[in-house]
Amino acid sequence: MSRSTNTRILVESALLVAISTLFCVLDAYVPVFALVYPLPIVILVVRWGLRTGIWATVVTIAATSMFVGPFQGLLVFTKVGIIGITLAQCIRKQLSPVKTLAITSVAVAVSMAFVVGFNLLIGGFGIEETWELMQKSMDSALEFYRRMGISEAEISRMETYLSQLTETARIVLPASLFMVVVTIAGFNYLMARLILGKLGHKLVELKPFSKWRLSWHYGWGYVGGLILVILGQLMVAPLVSKIGTNIMSLFGMIFLVQGTAIAWYFFDKYKLRPIVRWLIIIFVVLNPTLLQILSWAGVFDAWLDFRKLSS
């Protein structure tokens, strides 16, 4: 490498390490930064190679530890190193978007398991404590409404609804965690594509959102989950019913994305203005019934192909 290239690598590395460290330090106080702080390392590895990314990760760990303590610094290894380097290598090797998403999701899952395990080891804070904290929050909210003078009948209805909501959350926790993992991986992948595209990198083609579509085989996943739920209820087998509920929830969320893609296709077809599109989407998101209809539209599209994309 020429001297000017080495200087450029050094300058970019220093800048991206500073940004990555800033994200990691802020994450100790504002957890939302966990969504984006693998990105500087992703950009560095894609542009200048794996070795540069590894050294940048080591420096970021040291710098974060110096500012907010060794515990947060150790988490940098999982959240920045594992996720960032894995995603960057997938992009460098020009893997397909589906393969990149799948491999990065595994990296995110490993990272989350490491963080949860470390929290259990050091702080003893686990899932049961989370449910207890939720229950205390519900009790505090109900007590607050009592002090406001709301009738006991209304509070009783609210308590029943919140209890059902908590129980549902317990049942579909595996599916919810899976979707969180995929969402984090997908968000980082799309953001990395956006930034690298602006920097002039040639990337594997990604279909427009309005043309995203799963094949009809995936539709049977949703149907299989429904069959398990029905069998579990008929056989009085709660475990079978819970497995079916998780499968249905998982495929329901996946097909909700496909349903949204169908809506976007017709937005494009009828040339709706962006403000109108987003108003419709917000209205649907705030209405659980419409969300369910959108998810079912995605399921039926797997067989019926409303947009005629296969032809």
C-alpha atoms as a PDB file:
ATOM      1  CA  MET A   1       0.000   0.000   0.000  1.00  0.00           C
ATOM      2  CA  SER A   2       1.115   3.541  -0.703  1.00  0.00           C
ATOM      3  CA  ARG A   3       1.784   6.001   2.070  1.00  0.00           C
ATOM      4  CA  SER A   4      -1.315   8.039   1.177  1.00  0.00           C
ATOM      5  CA  THR A   5      -3.491   4.905   1.393  1.00  0.00           C
ATOM      6  CA  ASN A   6      -2.061   4.010   4.817  1.00  0.00           C
ATOM      7  CA  THR A   7      -2.730   7.548   5.996  1.00  0.00           C
ATOM      8  CA  ARG A   8      -6.306   7.345   4.710  1.00  0.00           C
ATOM      9  CA  ILE A   9      -6.882   4.013   6.487  1.00  0.00           C
ATOM     10  CA  LEU A  10      -5.481   5.463   9.719  1.00  0.00           C
ATOM     11  CA  VAL A  11      -7.664   8.571   9.528  1.00  0.00           C
ATOM     12  CA  GLU A  12     -10.850   6.628   8.699  1.00  0.00           C
ATOM     13  CA  SER A  13     -10.115   4.059  11.387  1.00  0.00           C
ATOM     14  CA  ALA A  14      -9.602   6.750  14.023  1.00  0.00           C
ATOM     15  CA  LEU A  15     -12.828   8.506  13.017  1.00  0.00           C
ATOM     16  CA  LEU A  16     -14.938   5.341  12.947  1.00  0.00           C
ATOM     17  CA  VAL A  17     -13.458   4.061  16.224  1.00  0.00           C
ATOM     18  CA  ALA A  18     -14.345   7.415  17.819  1.00  0.00           C
ATOM     19  CA  ILE A  19     -17.917   7.141  16.505  1.00  0.00           C
ATOM     20  CA  SER A  20     -18.206   3.516  17.624  1.00  0.00           C
ATOM     21  CA  THR A  21     -16.875   4.391  21.105  1.00  0.00           C
ATOM     22  CA  LEU A  22     -19.316   7.293  21.351  1.00  0.00           C
ATOM     23  CA  PHE A  23     -22.230   4.973  20.486  1.00  0.00           C
ATOM     24  CA  CYS A  24     -21.060   2.391  23.052  1.00  0.00           C
ATOM     25  CA  VAL A  25     -20.645   4.996  25.813  1.00  0.00           C
ATOM     26  CA  LEU A  26     -24.037   6.549  25.081  1.00  0.00           C
ATOM     27  CA  ASP A  27     -25.600   3.069  25.061  1.00  0.00           C
ATOM     28  CA  ALA A  28     -24.824   2.798  28.778  1.00  0.00           C
ATOM     29  CA  TYR A  29     -27.313   5.647  29.300  1.00  0.00           C
ATOM     30  CA  VAL A  30     -29.582   5.539  26.204  1.00  0.00           C
ATOM     31  CA  PRO A  31     -30.002   1.857  25.099  1.00  0.00           C
ATOM     32  CA  VAL A  32     -31.402   2.825  21.678  1.00  0.00           C
ATOM     33  CA  PHE A  33     -27.824   3.166  20.390  1.00  0.00           C
ATOM     34  CA  ALA A  34     -27.529  -0.633  20.563  1.00  0.00           C
ATOM     35  CA  LEU A  35     -29.345  -0.694  17.218  1.00  0.00           C
ATOM     36  CA  VAL A  36     -26.624   1.152  15.330  1.00  0.00           C
ATOM     37  CA  TYR A  37     -23.246   0.802  16.966  1.00  0.00           C
ATOM     38  CA  PRO A  38     -22.008  -2.198  14.939  1.00  0.00           C
ATOM     39  CA  LEU A  39     -22.184   0.031  11.816  1.00  0.00           C
ATOM     40  CA  PRO A  40     -18.795   1.848  12.108  1.00  0.00           C
ATOM     41  CA  ILE A  41     -16.973  -1.497  12.339  1.00  0.00           C
ATOM     42  CA  VAL A  42     -19.030  -2.864   9.416  1.00  0.00           C
ATOM     43  CA  ILE A  43     -17.980   0.075   7.224  1.00  0.00           C
ATOM     44  CA  LEU A  44     -14.347  -0.249   8.307  1.00  0.00           C
ATOM     45  CA  VAL A  45     -14.125  -3.991   7.578  1.00  0.00           C
ATOM     46  CA  VAL A  46     -15.861  -3.699   4.199  1.00  0.00           C
ATOM     47  CA  ARG A  47     -13.626  -0.820   3.115  1.00  0.00           C
ATOM     48  CA  TRP A  48     -10.257  -1.859   4.546  1.00  0.00           C
ATOM     49  CA  GLY A  49     -10.411  -5.525   5.517  1.00  0.00           C
ATOM     50  CA  LEU A  50     -10.855  -7.862   8.452  1.00  0.00           C
ATOM     51  CA  ARG A  51      -7.550  -7.084  10.173  1.00  0.00           C
ATOM     52  CA  THR A  52      -8.350  -3.370  10.367  1.00  0.00           C
ATOM     53  CA  GLY A  53     -11.794  -4.139  11.787  1.00  0.00           C
ATOM     54  CA  ILE A  54     -10.378  -6.447  14.480  1.00  0.00           C
ATOM     55  CA  TRP A  55      -7.861  -3.842  15.626  1.00  0.00           C
ATOM     56  CA  ALA A  56     -10.599  -1.181  15.626  1.00  0.00           C
ATOM     57  CA  THR A  57     -12.794  -3.433  17.782  1.00  0.00           C
ATOM     58  CA  VAL A  58      -9.964  -3.938  20.290  1.00  0.00           C
ATOM     59  CA  VAL A  59      -9.380  -0.181  20.516  1.00  0.00           C
ATOM     60  CA  THR A  60     -13.132   0.437  20.920  1.00  0.00           C
ATOM     61  CA  ILE A  61     -13.285  -2.107  23.768  1.00  0.00           C
ATOM     62  CA  ALA A  62     -10.360  -0.415  25.537  1.00  0.00           C
ATOM     63  CA  ALA A  63     -11.762   3.097  25.053  1.00  0.00           C
ATOM     64  CA  THR A  64     -15.275   2.133  26.191  1.00  0.00           C
ATOM     65  CA  SER A  65     -13.891   0.370  29.259  1.00  0.00           C
ATOM     66  CA  MET A  66     -11.950   3.491  30.162  1.00  0.00           C
ATOM     67  CA  PHE A  67     -15.062   5.705  30.010  1.00  0.00           C
ATOM     68  CA  VAL A  68     -17.876   3.515  31.409  1.00  0.00           C
ATOM     69  CA  GLY A  69     -16.164   0.519  32.984  1.00  0.00           C
ATOM     70  CA  PRO A  70     -14.914  -2.941  31.960  1.00  0.00           C
ATOM     71  CA  PHE A  71     -18.372  -4.539  31.989  1.00  0.00           C
ATOM     72  CA  GLN A  72     -19.665  -2.247  29.231  1.00  0.00           C
ATOM     73  CA  GLY A  73     -16.358  -2.638  27.421  1.00  0.00           C
ATOM     74  CA  LEU A  74     -16.710  -6.415  27.434  1.00  0.00           C
ATOM     75  CA  LEU A  75     -20.185  -6.107  25.920  1.00  0.00           C
ATOM     76  CA  VAL A  76     -18.608  -4.179  23.031  1.00  0.00           C
ATOM     77  CA  PHE A  77     -16.935  -7.432  21.996  1.00  0.00           C
ATOM     78  CA  THR A  78     -20.313  -9.101  21.519  1.00  0.00           C
ATOM     79  CA  LYS A  79     -22.390  -6.222  20.205  1.00  0.00           C
ATOM     80  CA  VAL A  80     -19.756  -4.575  18.004  1.00  0.00           C
ATOM     81  CA  GLY A  81     -17.224  -7.302  17.326  1.00  0.00           C
ATOM     82  CA  ILE A  82     -19.390 -10.358  16.713  1.00  0.00           C
ATOM     83  CA  ILE A  83     -22.285  -8.629  14.923  1.00  0.00           C
ATOM     84  CA  GLY A  84     -20.258  -5.985  13.075  1.00  0.00           C
ATOM     85  CA  ILE A  85     -17.519  -8.253  11.761  1.00  0.00           C
ATOM     86  CA  THR A  86     -19.980 -11.021  10.789  1.00  0.00           C
ATOM     87  CA  LEU A  87     -22.195  -8.631   8.829  1.00  0.00           C
ATOM     88  CA  ALA A  88     -19.185  -6.979   7.185  1.00  0.00           C
ATOM     89  CA  GLN A  89     -17.752 -10.309   6.036  1.00  0.00           C
ATOM     90  CA  CYS A  90     -21.107 -11.294   4.520  1.00  0.00           C
ATOM     91  CA  ILE A  91     -21.193  -8.019   2.570  1.00  0.00           C
ATOM     92  CA  ARG A  92     -17.555  -8.350   1.484  1.00  0.00           C
ATOM     93  CA  LYS A  93     -18.190 -11.865   0.152  1.00  0.00           C
ATOM     94  CA  GLN A  94     -21.227 -10.603  -1.791  1.00  0.00           C
ATOM     95  CA  LEU A  95     -23.602 -13.094  -0.167  1.00  0.00           C
ATOM     96  CA  SER A  96     -27.278 -12.830  -1.066  1.00  0.00           C
ATOM     97  CA  PRO A  97     -29.485 -10.645   1.164  1.00  0.00           C
ATOM     98  CA  VAL A  98     -31.278 -13.731   2.542  1.00  0.00           C
ATOM     99  CA  LYS A  99     -28.004 -15.491   3.468  1.00  0.00           C
ATOM    100  CA  THR A 100     -26.585 -12.274   4.919  1.00  0.00           C
ATOM    101  CA  LEU A 101     -29.692 -11.773   7.054  1.00  0.00           C
ATOM    102  CA  ALA A 102     -29.646 -15.403   8.245  1.00  0.00           C
ATOM    103  CA  ILE A 103     -25.938 -15.414   9.185  1.00  0.00           C
ATOM    104  CA  THR A 104     -26.122 -11.989  10.839  1.00  0.00           C
ATOM    105  CA  SER A 105     -29.198 -13.108  12.797  1.00  0.00           C
ATOM    106  CA  VAL A 106     -27.157 -16.010  14.206  1.00  0.00           C
ATOM    107  CA  ALA A 107     -24.463 -13.513  15.239  1.00  0.00           C
ATOM    108  CA  VAL A 108     -27.078 -11.296  16.926  1.00  0.00           C
ATOM    109  CA  ALA A 109     -28.528 -14.326  18.746  1.00  0.00           C
ATOM    110  CA  VAL A 110     -25.057 -15.326  19.989  1.00  0.00           C
ATOM    111  CA  SER A 111     -24.443 -11.753  21.130  1.00  0.00           C
ATOM    112  CA  MET A 112     -27.780 -11.578  22.988  1.00  0.00           C
ATOM    113  CA  ALA A 113     -27.175 -14.973  24.632  1.00  0.00           C
ATOM    114  CA  PHE A 114     -23.749 -13.797  25.796  1.00  0.00           C
ATOM    115  CA  VAL A 115     -25.216 -10.588  27.267  1.00  0.00           C
ATOM    116  CA  VAL A 116     -28.082 -12.415  29.016  1.00  0.00           C
ATOM    117  CA  GLY A 117     -25.721 -15.078  30.358  1.00  0.00           C
ATOM    118  CA  PHE A 118     -23.297 -12.461  31.623  1.00  0.00           C
ATOM    119  CA  ASN A 119     -26.120 -10.557  33.346  1.00  0.00           C
ATOM    120  CA  LEU A 120     -27.276 -13.772  35.022  1.00  0.00           C
ATOM    121  CA  LEU A 121     -23.730 -14.581  36.119  1.00  0.00           C
ATOM    122  CA  ILE A 122     -22.895 -11.127  37.466  1.00  0.00           C
ATOM    123  CA  GLY A 123     -26.209  -9.633  38.540  1.00  0.00           C
ATOM    124  CA  GLY A 124     -28.511 -12.639  38.829  1.00  0.00           C
ATOM    125  CA  PHE A 125     -31.134 -10.748  36.823  1.00  0.00           C
ATOM    126  CA  GLY A 126     -33.154 -13.055  34.566  1.00  0.00           C
ATOM    127  CA  ILE A 127     -36.501 -13.611  32.892  1.00  0.00           C
ATOM    128  CA  GLU A 128     -38.449 -14.264  36.104  1.00  0.00           C
ATOM    129  CA  GLU A 129     -37.248 -10.989  37.579  1.00  0.00           C
ATOM    130  CA  THR A 130     -38.444  -9.249  34.413  1.00  0.00           C
ATOM    131  CA  TRP A 131     -41.958 -10.702  34.827  1.00  0.00           C
ATOM    132  CA  GLU A 132     -41.986  -9.690  38.488  1.00  0.00           C
ATOM    133  CA  LEU A 133     -40.974  -6.166  37.524  1.00  0.00           C
ATOM    134  CA  MET A 134     -43.789  -6.057  34.955  1.00  0.00           C
ATOM    135  CA  GLN A 135     -46.284  -7.258  37.572  1.00  0.00           C
ATOM    136  CA  LYS A 136     -45.159  -4.559  40.014  1.00  0.00           C
ATOM    137  CA  SER A 137     -45.515  -1.940  37.290  1.00  0.00           C
ATOM    138  CA  MET A 138     -49.058  -3.150  36.543  1.00  0.00           C
ATOM    139  CA  ASP A 139     -49.967  -3.057  40.235  1.00  0.00           C
ATOM    140  CA  SER A 140     -48.587   0.484  40.540  1.00  0.00           C
ATOM    141  CA  ALA A 141     -50.568   1.602  37.491  1.00  0.00           C
ATOM    142  CA  LEU A 142     -53.809   0.125  38.832  1.00  0.00           C
ATOM    143  CA  GLU A 143     -53.239   1.750  42.216  1.00  0.00           C
ATOM    144  CA  PHE A 144     -52.682   5.077  40.468  1.00  0.00           C
ATOM    145  CA  TYR A 145     -56.036   4.714  38.655  1.00  0.00           C
ATOM    146  CA  ARG A 146     -57.758   3.900  41.977  1.00  0.00           C
ATOM    147  CA  ARG A 147     -56.421   7.125  43.466  1.00  0.00           C
ATOM    148  CA  MET A 148     -57.790   8.984  40.440  1.00  0.00           C
ATOM    149  CA  GLY A 149     -61.291   7.799  41.366  1.00  0.00           C
ATOM    150  CA  ILE A 150     -61.873   5.279  38.577  1.00  0.00           C
ATOM    151  CA  SER A 151     -64.545   2.715  39.490  1.00  0.00           C
ATOM    152  CA  GLU A 152     -63.553  -0.745  40.743  1.00  0.00           C
ATOM    153  CA  ALA A 153     -65.506  -2.389  37.905  1.00  0.00           C
ATOM    154  CA  GLU A 154     -63.428  -0.536  35.314  1.00  0.00           C
ATOM    155  CA  ILE A 155     -60.194  -1.285  37.192  1.00  0.00           C
ATOM    156  CA  SER A 156     -61.172  -4.968  37.337  1.00  0.00           C
ATOM    157  CA  ARG A 157     -61.622  -5.026  33.546  1.00  0.00           C
ATOM    158  CA  MET A 158     -58.238  -3.335  33.093  1.00  0.00           C
ATOM    159  CA  GLU A 159     -56.593  -5.843  35.436  1.00  0.00           C
ATOM    160  CA  THR A 160     -58.074  -8.769  33.496  1.00  0.00           C
ATOM    161  CA  TYR A 161     -56.905  -7.297  30.191  1.00  0.00           C
ATOM    162  CA  LEU A 162     -53.361  -6.636  31.480  1.00  0.00           C
ATOM    163  CA  SER A 163     -53.144 -10.150  32.952  1.00  0.00           C
ATOM    164  CA  GLN A 164     -54.181 -11.674  29.623  1.00  0.00           C
ATOM    165  CA  LEU A 165     -51.640  -9.476  27.846  1.00  0.00           C
ATOM    166  CA  THR A 166     -48.862 -10.581  30.202  1.00  0.00           C
ATOM    167  CA  GLU A 167     -49.795 -14.257  29.810  1.00  0.00           C
ATOM    168  CA  THR A 168     -49.804 -13.902  26.017  1.00  0.00           C
ATOM    169  CA  ALA A 169     -46.382 -12.243  26.185  1.00  0.00           C
ATOM    170  CA  ARG A 170     -45.087 -15.205  28.208  1.00  0.00           C
ATOM    171  CA  ILE A 171     -46.420 -17.698  25.664  1.00  0.00           C
ATOM    172  CA  VAL A 172     -45.060 -15.984  22.548  1.00  0.00           C
ATOM    173  CA  LEU A 173     -41.721 -14.976  24.114  1.00  0.00           C
ATOM    174  CA  PRO A 174     -39.653 -17.363  21.903  1.00  0.00           C
ATOM    175  CA  ALA A 175     -41.249 -16.000  18.701  1.00  0.00           C
ATOM    176  CA  SER A 176     -40.855 -12.424  19.953  1.00  0.00           C
ATOM    177  CA  LEU A 177     -37.150 -12.942  20.720  1.00  0.00           C
ATOM    178  CA  PHE A 178     -36.628 -14.474  17.289  1.00  0.00           C
ATOM    179  CA  MET A 179     -38.234 -11.476  15.603  1.00  0.00           C
ATOM    180  CA  VAL A 180     -36.157  -9.065  17.720  1.00  0.00           C
ATOM    181  CA  VAL A 181     -33.004 -10.855  16.563  1.00  0.00           C
ATOM    182  CA  VAL A 182     -34.031 -10.728  12.893  1.00  0.00           C
ATOM    183  CA  THR A 183     -35.139  -7.084  13.195  1.00  0.00           C
ATOM    184  CA  ILE A 184     -31.776  -5.992  14.662  1.00  0.00           C
ATOM    185  CA  ALA A 185     -29.897  -7.927  11.964  1.00  0.00           C
ATOM    186  CA  GLY A 186     -32.115  -6.557   9.190  1.00  0.00           C
ATOM    187  CA  PHE A 187     -31.921  -2.965  10.415  1.00  0.00           C
ATOM    188  CA  ASN A 188     -28.109  -3.039  10.564  1.00  0.00           C
ATOM    189  CA  TYR A 189     -27.930  -4.666   7.128  1.00  0.00           C
ATOM    190  CA  LEU A 190     -30.184  -2.069   5.511  1.00  0.00           C
ATOM    191  CA  MET A 191     -28.342   0.818   7.202  1.00  0.00           C
ATOM    192  CA  ALA A 192     -24.977  -0.627   6.156  1.00  0.00           C
ATOM    193  CA  ARG A 193     -26.211  -0.940   2.556  1.00  0.00           C
ATOM    194  CA  LEU A 194     -27.400   2.656   2.610  1.00  0.00           C
ATOM    195  CA  ILE A 195     -24.094   4.037   3.919  1.00  0.00           C
ATOM    196  CA  LEU A 196     -21.852   1.845   1.750  1.00  0.00           C
ATOM    197  CA  GLY A 197     -23.951   2.664  -1.300  1.00  0.00           C
ATOM    198  CA  LYS A 198     -23.388   6.366  -0.646  1.00  0.00           C
ATOM    199  CA  LEU A 199     -19.649   5.643  -0.412  1.00  0.00           C
ATOM    200  CA  GLY A 200     -19.703   4.026  -3.866  1.00  0.00           C
ATOM    201  CA  HIS A 201     -19.464   0.345  -2.957  1.00  0.00           C
ATOM    202  CA  LYS A 202     -21.050  -2.140  -5.340  1.00  0.00           C
ATOM    203  CA  LEU A 203     -23.548  -4.275  -3.418  1.00  0.00           C
ATOM    204  CA  VAL A 204     -25.681  -7.312  -4.179  1.00  0.00           C
ATOM    205  CA  GLU A 205     -28.958  -6.160  -5.713  1.00  0.00           C
ATOM    206  CA  LEU A 206     -31.894  -5.920  -3.315  1.00  0.00           C
ATOM    207  CA  LYS A 207     -35.388  -6.039  -4.778  1.00  0.00           C
ATOM    208  CA  PRO A 208     -37.628  -2.993  -4.205  1.00  0.00           C
ATOM    209  CA  PHE A 209     -39.760  -3.401  -1.082  1.00  0.00           C
ATOM    210  CA  SER A 210     -42.964  -3.474  -3.152  1.00  0.00           C
ATOM    211  CA  LYS A 211     -41.717  -6.698  -4.837  1.00  0.00           C
ATOM    212  CA  TRP A 212     -40.755  -8.630  -1.718  1.00  0.00           C
ATOM    213  CA  ARG A 213     -42.544 -11.978  -1.710  1.00  0.00           C
ATOM    214  CA  LEU A 214     -42.097 -15.368  -0.040  1.00  0.00           C
ATOM    215  CA  SER A 215     -42.878 -18.517  -1.987  1.00  0.00           C
ATOM    216  CA  TRP A 216     -46.042 -20.493  -1.289  1.00  0.00           C
ATOM    217  CA  HIS A 217     -44.079 -23.054   0.774  1.00  0.00           C
ATOM    218  CA  TYR A 218     -43.795 -20.585   3.670  1.00  0.00           C
ATOM    219  CA  GLY A 219     -47.574 -20.257   3.834  1.00  0.00           C
ATOM    220  CA  TRP A 220     -47.764 -23.795   5.201  1.00  0.00           C
ATOM    221  CA  GLY A 221     -45.764 -22.637   8.243  1.00  0.00           C
ATOM    222  CA  TYR A 222     -48.673 -20.421   9.308  1.00  0.00           C
ATOM    223  CA  VAL A 223     -51.192 -23.204   8.552  1.00  0.00           C
ATOM    224  CA  GLY A 224     -49.072 -25.726  10.507  1.00  0.00           C
ATOM    225  CA  GLY A 225     -49.031 -23.443  13.543  1.00  0.00           C
ATOM    226  CA  LEU A 226     -52.831 -23.082  13.359  1.00  0.00           C
ATOM    227  CA  ILE A 227     -53.255 -26.881  13.171  1.00  0.00           C
ATOM    228  CA  LEU A 228     -51.039 -27.330  16.264  1.00  0.00           C
ATOM    229  CA  VAL A 229     -53.088 -24.762  18.200  1.00  0.00           C
ATOM    230  CA  ILE A 230     -56.336 -26.573  17.319  1.00  0.00           C
ATOM    231  CA  LEU A 231     -54.871 -29.997  18.149  1.00  0.00           C
ATOM    232  CA  GLY A 232     -53.524 -28.690  21.461  1.00  0.00           C
ATOM    233  CA  GLN A 233     -56.964 -27.404  22.425  1.00  0.00           C
ATOM    234  CA  LEU A 234     -58.719 -30.619  21.363  1.00  0.00           C
ATOM    235  CA  MET A 235     -56.189 -32.873  23.117  1.00  0.00           C
ATOM    236  CA  VAL A 236     -55.933 -30.549  26.152  1.00  0.00           C
ATOM    237  CA  ALA A 237     -52.172 -30.378  25.573  1.00  0.00           C
ATOM    238  CA  PRO A 238     -50.983 -26.855  26.559  1.00  0.00           C
ATOM    239  CA  LEU A 239     -47.421 -27.435  25.304  1.00  0.00           C
ATOM    240  CA  VAL A 240     -48.622 -28.334  21.795  1.00  0.00           C
ATOM    241  CA  SER A 241     -50.887 -25.296  21.807  1.00  0.00           C
ATOM    242  CA  LYS A 242     -48.029 -23.012  22.937  1.00  0.00           C
ATOM    243  CA  ILE A 243     -45.719 -24.332  20.214  1.00  0.00           C
ATOM    244  CA  GLY A 244     -48.430 -23.730  17.627  1.00  0.00           C
ATOM    245  CA  THR A 245     -49.061 -20.224  18.964  1.00  0.00           C
ATOM    246  CA  ASN A 246     -45.362 -19.362  18.655  1.00  0.00           C
ATOM    247  CA  ILE A 247     -45.206 -20.726  15.106  1.00  0.00           C
ATOM    248  CA  MET A 248     -48.332 -18.774  14.149  1.00  0.00           C
ATOM    249  CA  SER A 249     -46.975 -15.594  15.765  1.00  0.00           C
ATOM    250  CA  LEU A 250     -43.639 -15.971  14.005  1.00  0.00           C
ATOM    251  CA  PHE A 251     -45.101 -16.522  10.544  1.00  0.00           C
ATOM    252  CA  GLY A 252     -47.789 -13.926  11.246  1.00  0.00           C
ATOM    253  CA  MET A 253     -45.100 -11.272  11.802  1.00  0.00           C
ATOM    254  CA  ILE A 254     -43.182 -12.421   8.723  1.00  0.00           C
ATOM    255  CA  PHE A 255     -46.298 -12.248   6.547  1.00  0.00           C
ATOM    256  CA  LEU A 256     -47.162  -8.873   8.039  1.00  0.00           C
ATOM    257  CA  VAL A 257     -44.040  -7.600   6.276  1.00  0.00           C
ATOM    258  CA  GLN A 258     -45.238  -9.232   3.055  1.00  0.00           C
ATOM    259  CA  GLY A 259     -48.689  -7.707   3.539  1.00  0.00           C
ATOM    260  CA  THR A 260     -47.080  -4.287   3.931  1.00  0.00           C
ATOM    261  CA  ALA A 261     -45.122  -4.906   0.724  1.00  0.00           C
ATOM    262  CA  ILE A 262     -48.441  -5.651  -1.043  1.00  0.00           C
ATOM    263  CA  ALA A 263     -49.867  -2.362   0.238  1.00  0.00           C
ATOM    264  CA  TRP A 264     -46.723  -0.538  -0.930  1.00  0.00           C
ATOM    265  CA  TYR A 265     -47.073  -2.114  -4.373  1.00  0.00           C
ATOM    266  CA  PHE A 266     -50.539  -0.634  -4.757  1.00  0.00           C
ATOM    267  CA  PHE A 267     -49.337   2.683  -3.324  1.00  0.00           C
ATOM    268  CA  ASP A 268     -46.795   2.741  -6.169  1.00  0.00           C
ATOM    269  CA  LYS A 269     -49.346   1.585  -8.722  1.00  0.00           C
ATOM    270  CA  TYR A 270     -51.779   4.389  -7.894  1.00  0.00           C
ATOM    271  CA  LYS A 271     -48.964   6.913  -7.278  1.00  0.00           C
ATOM    272  CA  LEU A 272     -50.021   7.945  -3.781  1.00  0.00           C
ATOM    273  CA  ARG A 273     -48.053  10.769  -2.229  1.00  0.00           C
ATOM    274  CA  PRO A 274     -45.593   9.843   0.559  1.00  0.00           C
ATOM    275  CA  ILE A 275     -47.582  11.692   3.232  1.00  0.00           C
ATOM    276  CA  VAL A 276     -50.742   9.738   2.272  1.00  0.00           C
ATOM    277  CA  ARG A 277     -48.870   6.432   2.335  1.00  0.00           C
ATOM    278  CA  TRP A 278     -47.460   7.021   5.803  1.00  0.00           C
ATOM    279  CA  LEU A 279     -50.789   8.229   7.164  1.00  0.00           C
ATOM    280  CA  ILE A 280     -52.397   4.989   5.953  1.00  0.00           C
ATOM    281  CA  ILE A 281     -49.588   2.879   7.449  1.00  0.00           C
ATOM    282  CA  ILE A 282     -49.840   4.696  10.811  1.00  0.00           C
ATOM    283  CA  PHE A 283     -53.625   4.213  10.821  1.00  0.00           C
ATOM    284  CA  VAL A 284     -53.203   0.477  10.158  1.00  0.00           C
ATOM    285  CA  VAL A 285     -50.491   0.101  12.835  1.00  0.00           C
ATOM    286  CA  LEU A 286     -52.800   1.688  15.415  1.00  0.00           C
ATOM    287  CA  ASN A 287     -55.631  -0.710  14.525  1.00  0.00           C
ATOM    288  CA  PRO A 288     -54.993  -4.357  15.580  1.00  0.00           C
ATOM    289  CA  THR A 289     -57.801  -5.663  13.335  1.00  0.00           C
ATOM    290  CA  LEU A 290     -56.309  -4.041  10.228  1.00  0.00           C
ATOM    291  CA  LEU A 291     -52.862  -5.350  11.197  1.00  0.00           C
ATOM    292  CA  GLN A 292     -54.266  -8.887  11.333  1.00  0.00           C
ATOM    293  CA  ILE A 293     -55.980  -8.418   7.938  1.00  0.00           C
ATOM    294  CA  LEU A 294     -52.666  -7.170   6.481  1.00  0.00           C
ATOM    295  CA  SER A 295     -50.893 -10.265   7.852  1.00  0.00           C
ATOM    296  CA  TRP A 296     -53.552 -12.566   6.360  1.00  0.00           C
ATOM    297  CA  ALA A 297     -53.172 -10.762   3.034  1.00  0.00           C
ATOM    298  CA  GLY A 298     -49.486 -11.677   3.165  1.00  0.00           C
ATOM    299  CA  VAL A 299     -50.339 -15.330   3.879  1.00  0.00           C
ATOM    300  CA  PHE A 300     -52.841 -15.594   1.002  1.00  0.00           C
ATOM    301  CA  ASP A 301     -50.410 -13.802  -1.319  1.00  0.00           C
ATOM    302  CA  ALA A 302     -48.026 -16.743  -0.883  1.00  0.00           C
ATOM    303  CA  TRP A 303     -50.517 -18.825  -2.927  1.00  0.00           C
ATOM    304  CA  LEU A 304     -52.590 -16.295  -4.885  1.00  0.00           C
ATOM    305  CA  ASP A 305     -49.801 -13.859  -5.856  1.00  0.00           C
ATOM    306  CA  PHE A 306     -51.952 -10.725  -5.867  1.00  0.00           C
ATOM    307  CA  ARG A 307     -49.208  -8.712  -7.597  1.00  0.00           C
ATOM    308  CA  LYS A 308     -48.563 -11.367 -10.291  1.00  0.00           C
ATOM    309  CA  LEU A 309     -44.838 -11.207  -9.560  1.00  0.00           C
ATOM    310  CA  SER A 310     -44.151 -14.846 -10.441  1.00  0.00           C
ATOM    311  CA  SER A 311     -45.391 -14.271 -13.994  1.00  0.00           C
END
